[in-house]
């Protein structure tokens, strides 16, 4: 469902046929796909540094 909303956002932005909008949508999709994994790894690193 989340991915569907992202795809709909990209289709809406690409509707304007503006390369900048397409790039922004692509970046949002890429960041969204790795956001959780990166955030979790960063959080774990912070916890490790805090525990030491």
C-alpha atoms as a PDB file:
ATOM      1  CA  UNK A   1       0.000   0.000   0.000  1.00  0.00           C
ATOM      2  CA  UNK A   2       2.856   2.377   0.847  1.00  0.00           C
ATOM      3  CA  UNK A   3       4.632   1.535  -2.401  1.00  0.00           C
ATOM      4  CA  UNK A   4       1.398   2.127  -4.288  1.00  0.00           C
ATOM      5  CA  UNK A   5       1.099   5.619  -2.807  1.00  0.00           C
ATOM      6  CA  UNK A   6       4.684   6.363  -3.825  1.00  0.00           C
ATOM      7  CA  UNK A   7       4.024   5.151  -7.362  1.00  0.00           C
ATOM      8  CA  UNK A   8       0.869   7.250  -7.563  1.00  0.00           C
ATOM      9  CA  UNK A   9       2.897  10.244  -6.393  1.00  0.00           C
ATOM     10  CA  UNK A  10       5.447   9.630  -9.144  1.00  0.00           C
ATOM     11  CA  UNK A  11       2.708   9.280 -11.759  1.00  0.00           C
ATOM     12  CA  UNK A  12       1.115  12.520 -10.553  1.00  0.00           C
ATOM     13  CA  UNK A  13       4.420  14.371 -10.707  1.00  0.00           C
ATOM     14  CA  UNK A  14       5.351  12.902 -14.078  1.00  0.00           C
ATOM     15  CA  UNK A  15       1.937  14.046 -15.326  1.00  0.00           C
ATOM     16  CA  UNK A  16       3.352  17.571 -15.384  1.00  0.00           C
ATOM     17  CA  UNK A  17       6.115  16.199 -17.635  1.00  0.00           C
ATOM     18  CA  UNK A  18       8.812  18.111 -15.745  1.00  0.00           C
ATOM     19  CA  UNK A  19      12.204  16.352 -15.441  1.00  0.00           C
ATOM     20  CA  UNK A  20      12.811  18.007 -12.079  1.00  0.00           C
ATOM     21  CA  UNK A  21       9.586  16.574 -10.668  1.00  0.00           C
ATOM     22  CA  UNK A  22      10.503  13.141 -12.004  1.00  0.00           C
ATOM     23  CA  UNK A  23      13.947  13.320 -10.369  1.00  0.00           C
ATOM     24  CA  UNK A  24      12.469  14.424  -7.046  1.00  0.00           C
ATOM     25  CA  UNK A  25       9.920  11.605  -7.159  1.00  0.00           C
ATOM     26  CA  UNK A  26      12.652   9.075  -7.965  1.00  0.00           C
ATOM     27  CA  UNK A  27      14.807  10.318  -5.089  1.00  0.00           C
ATOM     28  CA  UNK A  28      11.813  10.117  -2.742  1.00  0.00           C
ATOM     29  CA  UNK A  29      11.137   6.553  -3.829  1.00  0.00           C
ATOM     30  CA  UNK A  30      14.791   5.517  -3.441  1.00  0.00           C
ATOM     31  CA  UNK A  31      15.111   7.172  -0.030  1.00  0.00           C
ATOM     32  CA  UNK A  32      11.838   5.641   1.092  1.00  0.00           C
ATOM     33  CA  UNK A  33      12.944   2.149   0.082  1.00  0.00           C
ATOM     34  CA  UNK A  34      16.167   2.306   2.121  1.00  0.00           C
ATOM     35  CA  UNK A  35      14.982   4.721   4.811  1.00  0.00           C
ATOM     36  CA  UNK A  36      13.993   2.073   7.349  1.00  0.00           C
ATOM     37  CA  UNK A  37      17.148  -0.010   6.962  1.00  0.00           C
ATOM     38  CA  UNK A  38      19.447   3.011   7.110  1.00  0.00           C
ATOM     39  CA  UNK A  39      17.592   4.546  10.047  1.00  0.00           C
ATOM     40  CA  UNK A  40      17.677   1.264  11.974  1.00  0.00           C
ATOM     41  CA  UNK A  41      21.414   0.818  11.329  1.00  0.00           C
ATOM     42  CA  UNK A  42      22.118   4.411  12.406  1.00  0.00           C
ATOM     43  CA  UNK A  43      19.982   3.932  15.516  1.00  0.00           C
ATOM     44  CA  UNK A  44      21.882   0.742  16.380  1.00  0.00           C
ATOM     45  CA  UNK A  45      25.198   2.534  15.897  1.00  0.00           C
ATOM     46  CA  UNK A  46      24.063   5.305  18.232  1.00  0.00           C
ATOM     47  CA  UNK A  47      22.966   2.740  20.813  1.00  0.00           C
ATOM     48  CA  UNK A  48      26.317   0.942  20.550  1.00  0.00           C
ATOM     49  CA  UNK A  49      28.296   4.148  21.001  1.00  0.00           C
ATOM     50  CA  UNK A  50      26.042   5.090  23.890  1.00  0.00           C
ATOM     51  CA  UNK A  51      26.530   1.742  25.623  1.00  0.00           C
ATOM     52  CA  UNK A  52      30.322   1.858  25.326  1.00  0.00           C
END
